[in-house]
Amino acid sequence: MDFAVITVARSAFSRLKPTLQAIHNAQNHNLHLLVAGNHEDPKFGDTLSEISSNGFPICCQIKGSDEPAKSASVILEGVHS
């Protein structure tokens, strides 16, 4: 079973971490982690490295966009990767 999870901030990642760990460690489950928002901004810490160092593969980094259709396209691409 595939699970796509989007996280946009360190606080969200901290709350999601136990659930992400359970999905990541379960047999027959695939975690597709998409990161966006403050994870991309260095002033909020190096959260991309934090996510990777916890063993979670990042399948897609969603860059900020003023175009909703472009953001949706990037998300869809990440889910299908």
Protein backbone atom coordinates (compact mmCIF):
# COMPACT_ATOMS: atom_id res chain seq x y z
CA MET A 1 0.00 0.00 0.00
CA ASP A 2 1.29 3.45 -0.90
CA PHE A 3 1.11 6.46 1.41
CA ALA A 4 1.81 9.99 0.21
CA VAL A 5 2.49 12.46 3.01
CA ILE A 6 3.11 16.18 2.61
CA THR A 7 4.95 18.09 5.33
CA VAL A 8 5.46 21.85 5.21
CA ALA A 9 7.07 22.72 8.56
CA ARG A 10 9.35 21.33 11.25
CA SER A 11 6.43 21.29 13.71
CA ALA A 12 4.33 19.20 11.32
CA PHE A 13 7.23 16.82 10.72
CA SER A 14 7.73 16.38 14.47
CA ARG A 15 4.08 15.41 14.91
CA LEU A 16 4.10 13.13 11.88
CA LYS A 17 7.39 11.41 12.71
CA PRO A 18 5.96 8.41 14.65
CA THR A 19 3.41 7.74 11.91
CA LEU A 20 6.02 8.15 9.18
CA GLN A 21 8.30 5.71 11.04
CA ALA A 22 5.52 3.12 11.28
CA ILE A 23 4.71 3.39 7.57
CA HIS A 24 8.39 3.38 6.56
CA ASN A 25 9.15 0.28 8.66
CA ALA A 26 6.04 -1.71 7.74
CA GLN A 27 6.25 -4.45 5.17
CA ASN A 28 4.13 -3.94 2.06
CA HIS A 29 3.91 -0.18 2.68
CA ASN A 30 5.63 2.49 0.62
CA LEU A 31 6.13 5.98 1.98
CA HIS A 32 6.19 8.84 -0.50
CA LEU A 33 7.27 11.89 1.46
CA LEU A 34 6.77 15.27 -0.17
CA VAL A 35 8.35 18.29 1.51
CA ALA A 36 7.47 21.93 0.94
CA GLY A 37 7.06 25.26 2.68
CA ASN A 38 9.46 26.08 5.51
CA HIS A 39 11.56 22.96 4.87
CA GLU A 40 12.90 24.84 1.85
CA ASP A 41 13.84 27.97 3.83
CA PRO A 42 17.29 27.93 5.53
CA LYS A 43 16.20 30.46 8.17
CA PHE A 44 13.94 27.77 9.67
CA GLY A 45 16.78 25.29 10.09
CA ASP A 46 18.13 22.49 7.98
CA THR A 47 14.99 20.39 8.12
CA LEU A 48 15.64 18.61 4.81
CA SER A 49 18.78 17.11 6.33
CA GLU A 50 16.89 16.32 9.53
CA ILE A 51 14.26 14.40 7.57
CA SER A 52 16.89 12.48 5.59
CA SER A 53 18.98 11.74 8.70
CA ASN A 54 15.91 10.10 10.24
CA GLY A 55 15.97 7.63 7.35
CA PHE A 56 12.99 8.99 5.44
CA PRO A 57 13.48 9.15 1.69
CA ILE A 58 12.23 12.43 0.24
CA CYS A 59 10.48 11.63 -3.02
CA CYS A 60 9.72 15.21 -3.96
CA GLN A 61 10.66 18.73 -2.89
CA ILE A 62 7.88 21.13 -3.76
CA LYS A 63 9.22 24.59 -4.47
CA GLY A 64 6.97 27.53 -3.71
CA SER A 65 4.93 28.80 -6.62
CA ASP A 66 2.34 31.48 -7.15
CA GLU A 67 0.73 29.22 -9.72
CA PRO A 68 -1.57 26.63 -8.07
CA ALA A 69 -1.67 24.49 -11.21
CA LYS A 70 2.14 24.27 -11.24
CA SER A 71 2.24 23.30 -7.55
CA ALA A 72 -0.45 20.66 -8.13
CA SER A 73 1.52 19.27 -11.07
CA VAL A 74 4.69 18.95 -8.95
CA ILE A 75 2.73 17.22 -6.16
CA LEU A 76 1.18 14.77 -8.62
CA GLU A 77 4.61 14.04 -10.11
CA GLY A 78 5.98 13.33 -6.63
CA VAL A 79 3.14 10.97 -5.76
CA HIS A 80 3.66 9.01 -8.96
CA SER A 81 7.45 8.72 -8.55
